[in-house]
N, C-alpha and C. Protein backbone atom coordinates (compact mmCIF):
# COMPACT_ATOMS: atom_id res chain seq x y z
N UNK A 1 83.59 123.48 95.14
CA UNK A 1 84.53 123.30 95.31
C UNK A 1 84.72 124.65 95.86
N UNK A 2 84.96 125.00 97.26
CA UNK A 2 85.70 126.01 97.90
C UNK A 2 86.82 125.88 98.05
N UNK A 3 87.92 127.33 98.19
CA UNK A 3 89.33 127.52 97.73
C UNK A 3 89.47 126.40 99.17
N UNK A 4 89.30 126.74 100.05
CA UNK A 4 90.07 125.39 101.31
C UNK A 4 90.01 124.00 100.93
N UNK A 5 89.09 123.43 100.56
CA UNK A 5 88.80 122.01 99.99
C UNK A 5 89.82 122.43 98.64
N UNK A 6 90.04 123.32 98.01
CA UNK A 6 90.89 122.57 96.54
C UNK A 6 92.93 122.25 97.55
N UNK A 7 92.65 122.99 98.66
CA UNK A 7 94.40 122.92 99.55
C UNK A 7 94.17 122.03 100.50
N UNK A 8 92.64 121.34 100.52
CA UNK A 8 93.39 119.83 101.19
C UNK A 8 93.44 118.89 99.96
N UNK A 9 92.84 118.82 98.83
CA UNK A 9 93.39 118.59 97.82
C UNK A 9 94.40 118.19 96.97
N UNK A 10 95.36 119.49 97.65
CA UNK A 10 96.68 120.26 96.89
C UNK A 10 97.50 118.97 96.50
N UNK A 11 98.27 118.38 95.84
CA UNK A 11 99.27 117.13 96.05
C UNK A 11 100.56 118.52 97.13
N UNK A 12 101.06 119.07 96.29
CA UNK A 12 101.80 119.53 97.18
C UNK A 12 101.55 120.19 98.47
N UNK A 13 100.37 120.54 98.94
CA UNK A 13 99.75 120.79 100.73
C UNK A 13 99.94 119.31 101.27
N UNK A 14 99.71 118.65 100.69
CA UNK A 14 99.00 116.98 101.17
C UNK A 14 100.88 116.47 101.55
N UNK A 15 101.50 116.93 100.99
CA UNK A 15 102.49 116.36 101.17
C UNK A 15 103.68 117.21 101.96
N UNK A 16 103.49 118.76 101.96
CA UNK A 16 103.98 119.34 103.68
C UNK A 16 103.46 118.39 104.97
N UNK A 17 101.93 118.17 104.87
CA UNK A 17 101.65 118.05 106.08
C UNK A 17 101.79 116.83 106.15
N UNK A 18 101.80 115.75 105.12
CA UNK A 18 102.33 114.66 105.47
C UNK A 18 104.39 114.49 106.04
N UNK A 19 104.83 115.21 106.04
CA UNK A 19 106.10 115.39 106.47
C UNK A 19 106.82 116.50 106.40
N UNK A 20 106.69 116.69 107.77
CA UNK A 20 106.76 118.15 108.10
C UNK A 20 108.58 118.30 107.98
N UNK A 21 109.60 117.20 107.59
CA UNK A 21 110.78 118.28 107.58
C UNK A 21 111.02 117.69 105.99
N UNK A 22 110.04 117.32 104.82
CA UNK A 22 110.58 117.64 103.57
C UNK A 22 110.60 118.52 103.09
N UNK A 23 111.19 118.48 101.67
CA UNK A 23 111.33 120.11 100.85
C UNK A 23 110.18 120.88 100.24
N UNK A 24 108.80 119.71 100.10
CA UNK A 24 107.43 120.53 99.97
C UNK A 24 107.12 121.34 101.50
N UNK A 25 107.06 120.51 102.60
CA UNK A 25 106.74 121.41 103.43
C UNK A 25 107.62 122.90 103.24
N UNK A 26 108.93 123.20 103.74
CA UNK A 26 109.73 124.25 103.21
C UNK A 26 109.37 125.07 102.29
N UNK A 27 108.69 124.28 100.78
CA UNK A 27 108.33 125.07 99.34
C UNK A 27 106.49 125.68 100.34
N UNK A 28 105.44 124.80 100.90
CA UNK A 28 104.24 125.39 100.90
C UNK A 28 104.47 127.20 101.79
N UNK A 29 106.03 126.88 102.91
CA UNK A 29 105.47 127.28 104.02
C UNK A 29 106.09 129.18 103.31
N UNK A 30 107.37 128.57 102.28
CA UNK A 30 107.59 129.95 101.51
C UNK A 30 106.70 130.55 101.10
N UNK A 31 105.69 129.25 100.15
CA UNK A 31 104.74 130.08 99.06
C UNK A 31 103.85 131.14 99.93
N UNK A 32 103.06 130.64 101.60
CA UNK A 32 102.05 130.83 102.00
C UNK A 32 102.98 132.21 102.78
N UNK A 33 103.79 132.19 103.23
CA UNK A 33 104.33 133.34 104.06
C UNK A 33 104.40 134.68 103.03
N UNK A 34 105.07 134.21 101.72
CA UNK A 34 105.27 135.19 101.07
C UNK A 34 104.94 135.58 99.57
N UNK A 35 104.01 134.87 98.91
CA UNK A 35 103.08 134.98 97.91
C UNK A 35 101.31 134.82 98.30
N UNK A 36 101.12 134.76 99.44
CA UNK A 36 100.24 134.43 100.30
C UNK A 36 99.22 133.55 99.15
N UNK A 37 99.23 132.72 98.56
CA UNK A 37 98.52 131.34 97.73
C UNK A 37 97.29 131.72 98.29
N UNK A 38 96.00 131.87 97.87
CA UNK A 38 94.80 132.19 98.23
C UNK A 38 94.00 131.10 98.66
N UNK A 39 94.82 129.69 98.10
CA UNK A 39 94.00 128.65 98.79
C UNK A 39 94.32 128.21 100.03
N UNK A 40 95.54 128.64 99.94
CA UNK A 40 95.88 128.13 101.24
C UNK A 40 96.13 128.92 102.93
N UNK A 41 95.35 130.22 102.20
CA UNK A 41 95.01 131.09 103.56
C UNK A 41 93.13 131.21 103.72
N UNK A 42 92.75 130.44 102.59
CA UNK A 42 90.88 130.03 103.10
C UNK A 42 91.27 129.02 103.89
N UNK A 43 92.10 128.32 103.19
CA UNK A 43 92.31 127.07 105.02
C UNK A 43 92.98 127.35 105.85
N UNK A 44 93.67 128.17 105.54
CA UNK A 44 94.40 128.76 107.18
C UNK A 44 92.56 129.43 108.38
N UNK A 45 92.20 130.27 107.27
CA UNK A 45 90.66 130.25 108.11
C UNK A 45 89.70 129.93 108.46
N UNK A 46 89.25 128.27 107.37
CA UNK A 46 88.76 127.83 107.87
C UNK A 46 88.60 126.84 108.85
N UNK A 47 90.07 126.51 108.78
CA UNK A 47 90.39 125.75 109.59
C UNK A 47 91.30 125.83 111.38
N UNK A 48 91.87 127.07 110.77
CA UNK A 48 92.45 128.06 112.17
C UNK A 48 94.21 127.33 111.94
N UNK A 49 94.67 126.46 111.31
CA UNK A 49 96.17 125.64 110.98
C UNK A 49 96.83 125.99 110.15
N UNK A 50 97.56 126.42 109.98
CA UNK A 50 98.29 126.81 108.76
C UNK A 50 98.13 125.33 107.26
N UNK A 51 98.74 125.92 106.31
CA UNK A 51 98.35 124.79 105.22
C UNK A 51 99.49 123.75 105.53
N UNK A 52 100.56 124.09 105.82
CA UNK A 52 101.65 122.99 106.22
C UNK A 52 102.07 122.39 107.43
N UNK A 53 101.03 122.56 108.62
CA UNK A 53 100.92 122.27 109.63
C UNK A 53 99.91 120.61 109.48
N UNK A 54 100.48 119.71 110.69
CA UNK A 54 99.51 118.54 110.57
C UNK A 54 98.10 118.57 110.99
């Protein structure tokens, strides 16, 4: 399992993608932009989308 696959299966990132106006959307957006989660970064590199976008 690579890092991007982990992000796809991450329950927090799943919630952020399912409900754009939710707390989890903001949380993942904050973590991604401020702390640079390696799994989220790998997801973006592989898919070309931010981890919190549908």
